[in-house]
Every structure is written in C-alpha cells, then in structure tokens.
Amino acid sequence: MATKSRGVPFPLGTDANNTAADLSLLADWVNDRPGVAALTTTERNALTGAALWDGRIVLNVTTDRLNRYDAGTTTWVQIADSADIAALLSTSGLPAANALTASRGVSASAARADHVHPGGTLGYSQAVVDQGSIGGASVNLTNLSVSVTVGTGRRIRVTGHVSMDNPTTGTGQSLFIFEGAAVLQKRSLVAGASNFAELLHAEVVLTPAAGAHTYNLRGLATAGSNSILRAAADTPSFILVEDIGSA
C-alpha cells in the first residue's frame, strides 16, 4: 500500500488484490481527516508532512475562526468571518450589516452600504402630458408627487423640473416644492415670449426626521393669466427625491 503526497492510501499494482481491505484503509483515512478539521491551536501547529499543505483550512476551536495555511510564509492565516467584518466596520466608523437596512427602512435585499455615502433614489415621478389652467392660485401639478421613507440621520435632495409657457409675454411663472402646506423651495421666471416653453428647475436639500414624507410640485402664474405645463414622453417634467449621504 502506497500513499499520495497528502497521505491518501492507494494500492500498487504489486499489492495483493484485496478490495475490502483497500477500501477500509481509505475509509479510515477519510474518517480521520474531515474536509475541515476542528483543531485547537496547539493541534493545528503540530500538523506536519502530508497533513500540512498550502491552502489547507481548519476550524481553530481555540479562537472559533477558520484558518488557512500559507506554505509561502509557513504561517496560518485567519479567514475573516461576519464577526470580523462587523468589528472592522465598527472600528472604521461604519455600521455593521444589520444596521444598514434599519438606517433606511428598506429590506436587506434592497439595502446599500448606507453610511457616509449616497443612498440613491428614494422616489421619482413624472408627467408626460400637458396641464393647463395654472393661474394666480398655486395648483398641484398632476402626477408630480412622491412619497418616500427617509432613514435616520440622512440628508436628501428634492428636485423639481418642469417646463411652462404663457400666452402673454412678461407673465410671471413659479414652481414650488411642497411638503404638506409648507413651501420648501420656489423658483420663478418671467415669460420672455408668448407661448414659449421655458424651464423651471428647483432643488432643496433637507435633513428630515426619519420616516415617511410626501413631496409635491405646485405651479402658479401671474394673476389674470393662465400658464400651461408642457410635458411629453421625450421631455417629461419630474420630481426626484435622492438620499445624498449622512446628515
């Protein structure tokens, strides 16, 4: 009976033909050497010869960590697990994985690395058809409202982007960003030409309380005139809410 470089027994052609005995020896070897052996640090360090090879992995029961043998440096290297990663995040000031979802109120499958970095789009809605009768009292712009959930300690940006025109040159036109009855931002312009669509773009950066928030756009024109919101599939008006980082 001979052995491979890692001690696996096998019969030579000159050995007696005894299949049962050969398989028994092989079974004993496999039984004594599970894929990942559970060893103390002392037992691990005592491995030599065929029991020690580059890349071998053992469970170090002394430290409760997986270890990998590096033949190049003849040392055992600890393999990082979730506890090690959580500790690293903690010392670096980043939240552990289980805190990432809670900070934004989303499922684990949808969570991002939500620490100091931007969290992406929270909500978006657009209008692709015209809306008329925007007069001297501000009116809600159809479909330009979005409800979002904001995490704890987050900074967000709300963007409103619309085109409006008016049949009367010199008419004032305004775009508002609202939450409830509160005006968060306003942008105005004076129509430079009649029936010429002009862009109104408003942004506001906020650090709202954690939880649900609804933001919407409203439009207004100089009293006595009516503006028209211009929108189409290839030139939509929209409202966008983004998480842009920690507060």
Protein backbone atom coordinates (compact mmCIF):
# COMPACT_ATOMS: atom_id res chain seq x y z
CA MET A 1 0.00 0.00 0.00
CA ALA A 2 1.37 3.40 -1.01
CA THR A 3 0.25 6.96 -0.20
CA LYS A 4 -0.21 10.19 -2.17
CA SER A 5 1.53 13.43 -1.21
CA ARG A 6 -1.23 14.23 1.30
CA GLY A 7 -1.28 10.75 2.80
CA VAL A 8 -4.18 9.26 0.85
CA PRO A 9 -3.63 5.45 0.72
CA PHE A 10 -3.90 3.54 -2.53
CA PRO A 11 -2.86 0.01 -3.65
CA LEU A 12 0.03 -0.58 -6.00
CA GLY A 13 -0.17 -2.99 -8.87
CA THR A 14 2.11 -5.35 -6.99
CA ASP A 15 -0.09 -5.41 -3.87
CA ALA A 16 -2.40 -8.30 -3.11
CA ASN A 17 -5.86 -7.93 -4.61
CA ASN A 18 -7.95 -7.16 -1.52
CA THR A 19 -10.61 -4.61 -2.35
CA ALA A 20 -12.28 -4.72 1.05
CA ALA A 21 -9.03 -4.04 2.90
CA ASP A 22 -8.05 -1.26 0.49
CA LEU A 23 -11.41 0.47 0.86
CA SER A 24 -11.23 0.09 4.66
CA LEU A 25 -7.85 1.84 4.75
CA LEU A 26 -9.18 4.63 2.54
CA ALA A 27 -12.31 4.96 4.71
CA ASP A 28 -10.17 5.21 7.84
CA TRP A 29 -8.07 7.95 6.25
CA VAL A 30 -11.15 9.95 5.22
CA ASN A 31 -12.74 9.45 8.63
CA ASP A 32 -9.63 10.77 10.40
CA ARG A 33 -9.29 13.74 8.06
CA PRO A 34 -12.61 15.57 7.50
CA GLY A 35 -12.70 18.30 4.89
CA VAL A 36 -12.32 20.98 7.58
CA ALA A 37 -10.85 19.52 10.73
CA ALA A 38 -11.72 21.03 14.10
CA LEU A 39 -8.42 21.53 15.93
CA THR A 40 -7.07 23.53 18.82
CA THR A 41 -4.26 26.00 18.11
CA THR A 42 -1.79 23.50 19.57
CA GLU A 43 -3.11 20.65 17.39
CA ARG A 44 -3.08 22.89 14.33
CA ASN A 45 0.52 23.93 14.92
CA ALA A 46 1.54 20.28 15.30
CA LEU A 47 0.46 19.39 11.75
CA THR A 48 3.41 18.36 9.55
CA GLY A 49 4.24 16.42 6.43
CA ALA A 50 1.33 15.03 4.44
CA ALA A 51 -1.14 16.58 6.90
CA LEU A 52 0.06 20.09 6.06
CA TRP A 53 -0.36 21.61 2.60
CA ASP A 54 -0.71 25.04 1.04
CA GLY A 55 -4.30 26.20 1.30
CA ARG A 56 -5.39 23.70 3.93
CA ILE A 57 -8.29 25.05 6.00
CA VAL A 58 -9.05 24.07 9.58
CA LEU A 59 -11.51 25.30 12.18
CA ASN A 60 -9.47 26.63 15.08
CA VAL A 61 -11.68 25.78 18.05
CA THR A 62 -9.44 27.82 20.35
CA THR A 63 -10.34 31.05 18.55
CA ASP A 64 -13.54 29.82 16.85
CA ARG A 65 -12.21 31.01 13.50
CA LEU A 66 -11.31 29.36 10.20
CA ASN A 67 -7.58 29.28 9.46
CA ARG A 68 -5.78 28.76 6.15
CA TYR A 69 -2.20 27.54 5.80
CA ASP A 70 0.08 29.64 3.61
CA ALA A 71 3.03 27.49 2.55
CA GLY A 72 4.80 30.53 1.10
CA THR A 73 5.15 32.11 4.55
CA THR A 74 4.73 28.85 6.50
CA THR A 75 2.08 30.52 8.65
CA TRP A 76 -1.58 30.05 9.46
CA VAL A 77 -3.80 32.94 8.36
CA GLN A 78 -7.16 33.70 9.97
CA ILE A 79 -10.06 33.83 7.49
CA ALA A 80 -12.34 36.78 8.19
CA ASP A 81 -15.97 35.94 9.00
CA SER A 82 -19.02 38.14 9.60
CA ALA A 83 -17.92 38.93 13.17
CA ASP A 84 -14.52 40.12 11.95
CA ILE A 85 -16.12 42.25 9.24
CA ALA A 86 -18.55 43.77 11.75
CA ALA A 87 -15.64 44.58 14.07
CA LEU A 88 -13.75 46.20 11.19
CA LEU A 89 -16.76 48.30 10.25
CA SER A 90 -17.22 49.30 13.88
CA THR A 91 -13.63 50.50 14.28
CA SER A 92 -13.82 52.37 10.98
CA GLY A 93 -16.98 54.21 11.99
CA LEU A 94 -19.20 52.33 9.53
CA PRO A 95 -22.36 50.47 10.60
CA ALA A 96 -22.48 46.69 10.72
CA ALA A 97 -24.56 44.88 8.09
CA ASN A 98 -27.63 44.51 10.30
CA ALA A 99 -27.70 48.28 10.84
CA LEU A 100 -27.61 49.14 7.16
CA THR A 101 -31.22 48.23 6.45
CA ALA A 102 -32.59 49.83 9.61
CA SER A 103 -30.95 53.16 8.78
CA ARG A 104 -33.06 53.48 5.62
CA GLY A 105 -36.08 51.34 6.44
CA VAL A 106 -35.64 49.01 3.48
CA SER A 107 -35.33 45.25 3.09
CA ALA A 108 -31.96 43.54 3.28
CA SER A 109 -32.12 42.66 -0.41
CA ALA A 110 -32.55 46.32 -1.30
CA ALA A 111 -30.10 47.79 1.21
CA ARG A 112 -26.97 49.58 0.12
CA ALA A 113 -23.79 50.38 2.08
CA ASP A 114 -25.65 53.19 3.81
CA HIS A 115 -23.11 55.09 5.88
CA VAL A 116 -21.50 58.30 4.70
CA HIS A 117 -22.16 57.53 1.06
CA PRO A 118 -25.21 58.47 -1.03
CA GLY A 119 -28.07 56.00 -0.85
CA GLY A 120 -29.50 56.69 -4.30
CA THR A 121 -33.02 57.34 -5.48
CA LEU A 122 -35.75 57.24 -2.85
CA GLY A 123 -38.61 58.29 -5.12
CA TYR A 124 -39.38 59.54 -8.62
CA SER A 125 -42.50 60.52 -10.55
CA GLN A 126 -43.00 62.21 -13.89
CA ALA A 127 -45.62 63.90 -16.03
CA VAL A 128 -45.73 63.23 -19.76
CA VAL A 129 -48.85 65.20 -20.75
CA ASP A 130 -49.63 68.93 -20.73
CA GLN A 131 -51.55 70.54 -17.87
CA GLY A 132 -53.37 73.83 -18.38
CA SER A 133 -55.18 76.37 -16.21
CA ILE A 134 -52.22 77.19 -13.98
CA GLY A 135 -53.30 80.61 -12.71
CA GLY A 136 -52.92 83.06 -9.86
CA ALA A 137 -53.54 80.48 -7.13
CA SER A 138 -50.95 77.70 -6.93
CA VAL A 139 -52.19 74.31 -8.11
CA ASN A 140 -50.87 70.80 -7.72
CA LEU A 141 -49.03 69.62 -10.80
CA THR A 142 -50.57 66.33 -11.88
CA ASN A 143 -48.54 63.22 -11.11
CA LEU A 144 -45.69 65.29 -9.68
CA SER A 145 -45.93 63.99 -6.14
CA VAL A 146 -43.89 61.26 -4.49
CA SER A 147 -43.93 59.52 -1.09
CA VAL A 148 -40.64 58.24 0.35
CA THR A 149 -39.21 56.71 3.51
CA VAL A 150 -36.18 58.52 4.93
CA GLY A 151 -33.71 56.81 7.24
CA THR A 152 -32.29 58.16 10.47
CA GLY A 153 -29.65 60.86 10.13
CA ARG A 154 -29.90 61.17 6.35
CA ARG A 155 -29.56 64.15 4.04
CA ILE A 156 -31.83 64.20 0.98
CA ARG A 157 -32.29 66.32 -2.12
CA VAL A 158 -35.69 67.04 -3.68
CA THR A 159 -35.62 68.19 -7.31
CA GLY A 160 -38.47 69.65 -9.35
CA HIS A 161 -38.04 70.07 -13.11
CA VAL A 162 -40.84 71.42 -15.34
CA SER A 163 -41.43 73.46 -18.49
CA MET A 164 -44.19 76.08 -18.59
CA ASP A 165 -45.39 78.64 -21.13
CA ASN A 166 -47.87 81.51 -21.10
CA PRO A 167 -49.69 83.31 -23.93
CA THR A 168 -48.66 86.70 -22.54
CA THR A 169 -45.08 87.98 -22.68
CA GLY A 170 -43.84 89.23 -19.32
CA THR A 171 -46.07 86.95 -17.25
CA GLY A 172 -44.51 85.63 -14.07
CA GLN A 173 -44.44 81.85 -13.62
CA SER A 174 -43.40 79.97 -10.48
CA LEU A 175 -42.59 76.42 -9.43
CA PHE A 176 -42.89 75.35 -5.76
CA ILE A 177 -41.72 72.28 -3.85
CA PHE A 178 -44.14 71.50 -1.03
CA GLU A 179 -44.38 69.09 1.86
CA GLY A 180 -47.90 69.31 3.15
CA ALA A 181 -48.68 73.02 3.47
CA ALA A 182 -45.02 74.03 3.82
CA VAL A 183 -43.15 75.63 0.93
CA LEU A 184 -39.68 74.13 0.79
CA GLN A 185 -38.40 75.86 -2.36
CA LYS A 186 -39.55 78.27 -5.05
CA ARG A 187 -38.22 79.22 -8.48
CA SER A 188 -39.73 81.94 -10.69
CA LEU A 189 -39.18 83.45 -14.11
CA VAL A 190 -40.82 85.97 -16.42
CA ALA A 191 -42.07 84.69 -19.77
CA GLY A 192 -39.71 86.11 -22.35
CA ALA A 193 -42.04 85.38 -25.25
CA SER A 194 -45.63 84.30 -25.66
CA ASN A 195 -46.35 80.57 -25.85
CA PHE A 196 -42.68 79.71 -25.48
CA ALA A 197 -41.95 76.87 -23.06
CA GLU A 198 -39.31 77.80 -20.52
CA LEU A 199 -37.59 75.65 -17.92
CA LEU A 200 -38.23 75.97 -14.21
CA HIS A 201 -35.86 73.93 -12.07
CA ALA A 202 -35.91 73.90 -8.25
CA GLU A 203 -33.85 71.94 -5.74
CA VAL A 204 -33.81 71.82 -1.97
CA VAL A 205 -31.52 69.88 0.39
CA LEU A 206 -33.13 68.65 3.61
CA THR A 207 -32.37 66.62 6.73
CA PRO A 208 -35.88 65.45 7.61
CA ALA A 209 -36.91 63.31 10.54
CA ALA A 210 -36.76 59.59 9.87
CA GLY A 211 -39.97 58.14 8.47
CA ALA A 212 -42.49 58.74 5.70
CA HIS A 213 -42.56 62.02 3.78
CA THR A 214 -44.56 63.18 0.76
CA TYR A 215 -43.24 65.91 -1.52
CA ASN A 216 -45.13 67.51 -4.40
CA LEU A 217 -44.77 70.23 -7.01
CA ARG A 218 -47.16 73.13 -7.47
CA GLY A 219 -47.32 75.78 -10.20
CA LEU A 220 -48.50 79.39 -10.29
CA ALA A 221 -48.79 82.21 -12.84
CA THR A 222 -49.35 85.95 -12.53
CA ALA A 223 -52.94 86.71 -11.53
CA GLY A 224 -55.19 87.14 -14.56
CA SER A 225 -53.27 84.75 -16.81
CA ASN A 226 -53.07 81.01 -17.23
CA SER A 227 -49.84 79.11 -17.87
CA ILE A 228 -49.54 75.62 -19.30
CA LEU A 229 -47.17 72.91 -18.08
CA ARG A 230 -45.60 71.32 -21.14
CA ALA A 231 -44.62 67.65 -20.93
CA ALA A 232 -44.26 64.66 -23.24
CA ALA A 233 -42.73 61.21 -23.16
CA ASP A 234 -39.43 62.52 -24.54
CA THR A 235 -39.49 65.73 -22.48
CA PRO A 236 -41.04 64.80 -19.13
CA SER A 237 -41.49 67.05 -16.14
CA PHE A 238 -40.47 65.27 -12.95
CA ILE A 239 -39.93 65.24 -9.22
CA LEU A 240 -36.96 63.31 -7.84
CA VAL A 241 -36.00 62.57 -4.22
CA GLU A 242 -32.48 61.28 -3.54
CA ASP A 243 -30.53 60.21 -0.47
CA ILE A 244 -27.25 62.12 -0.80
CA GLY A 245 -25.45 60.95 2.34
CA SER A 246 -25.30 61.26 6.09
CA ALA A 247 -26.59 64.44 7.72
